[in-house]
């Protein structure tokens, strides 16, 4: 049975560039701040896996927190 989870994530590359006064060529500066994504999953690991497909760590995305709603 699935339940809703809230994922807090940001983009480390964007955060670094914004801190240095520059801009990422692909992602807006807003990704320097934490974004909150709601997703349905069976458990925390499932929620993380789903988010990583759309927001891959190899592109700089960092999951700060996963919380059941």
Protein backbone atom coordinates (compact mmCIF):
# COMPACT_ATOMS: atom_id res chain seq x y z
CA UNK A 1 0.00 0.00 0.00
CA UNK A 2 1.37 3.40 -0.94
CA UNK A 3 1.35 6.54 1.11
CA UNK A 4 2.44 10.13 0.46
CA UNK A 5 5.99 11.27 1.20
CA UNK A 6 7.48 14.73 1.09
CA UNK A 7 10.99 14.95 -0.31
CA UNK A 8 13.16 18.00 0.37
CA UNK A 9 15.89 18.44 -2.24
CA UNK A 10 18.16 21.01 -3.86
CA UNK A 11 20.83 21.10 -6.55
CA UNK A 12 24.39 21.32 -5.19
CA UNK A 13 25.85 22.59 -8.49
CA UNK A 14 23.32 25.41 -8.70
CA UNK A 15 23.85 26.25 -5.02
CA UNK A 16 27.62 26.50 -5.53
CA UNK A 17 27.31 28.63 -8.67
CA UNK A 18 24.80 31.01 -7.10
CA UNK A 19 27.11 31.38 -4.09
CA UNK A 20 29.91 32.31 -6.52
CA UNK A 21 27.66 34.83 -8.27
CA UNK A 22 27.17 32.73 -11.40
CA UNK A 23 24.31 30.81 -13.01
CA UNK A 24 23.84 27.22 -14.04
CA UNK A 25 23.31 26.86 -17.77
CA UNK A 26 20.47 24.35 -17.42
CA UNK A 27 18.73 24.90 -14.06
CA UNK A 28 17.30 28.13 -12.65
CA UNK A 29 18.85 29.77 -9.59
CA UNK A 30 15.84 28.70 -7.54
CA UNK A 31 17.35 25.19 -7.36
CA UNK A 32 19.93 26.62 -4.94
CA UNK A 33 17.08 26.62 -2.42
CA UNK A 34 15.26 23.60 -1.06
CA UNK A 35 12.33 22.35 -3.13
CA UNK A 36 9.60 20.13 -1.71
CA UNK A 37 8.22 17.31 -3.84
CA UNK A 38 5.30 15.12 -2.83
CA UNK A 39 5.32 11.53 -4.09
CA UNK A 40 3.39 8.31 -3.48
CA UNK A 41 5.48 5.29 -2.51
CA UNK A 42 5.39 2.15 -0.39
CA UNK A 43 8.28 3.22 1.86
CA UNK A 44 11.10 5.75 2.25
CA UNK A 45 13.46 3.84 -0.04
CA UNK A 46 10.79 3.65 -2.72
CA UNK A 47 10.15 7.38 -2.47
CA UNK A 48 13.87 8.12 -2.78
CA UNK A 49 14.20 5.82 -5.79
CA UNK A 50 11.31 7.49 -7.61
CA UNK A 51 12.69 10.98 -6.97
CA UNK A 52 16.19 10.01 -8.10
CA UNK A 53 14.82 9.04 -11.52
CA UNK A 54 13.55 12.57 -12.17
CA UNK A 55 16.21 14.37 -10.10
CA UNK A 56 19.40 12.29 -10.49
CA UNK A 57 22.25 12.73 -8.01
CA UNK A 58 24.76 12.66 -10.88
CA UNK A 59 23.20 15.95 -12.05
CA UNK A 60 23.78 17.55 -8.68
CA UNK A 61 20.48 16.86 -6.92
CA UNK A 62 20.74 16.19 -3.20
CA UNK A 63 17.95 14.78 -1.06
CA UNK A 64 17.93 16.55 2.30
CA UNK A 65 14.98 14.78 3.88
CA UNK A 66 12.22 12.25 3.23
CA UNK A 67 9.18 12.48 5.46
CA UNK A 68 5.96 10.49 5.52
CA UNK A 69 2.87 12.67 5.38
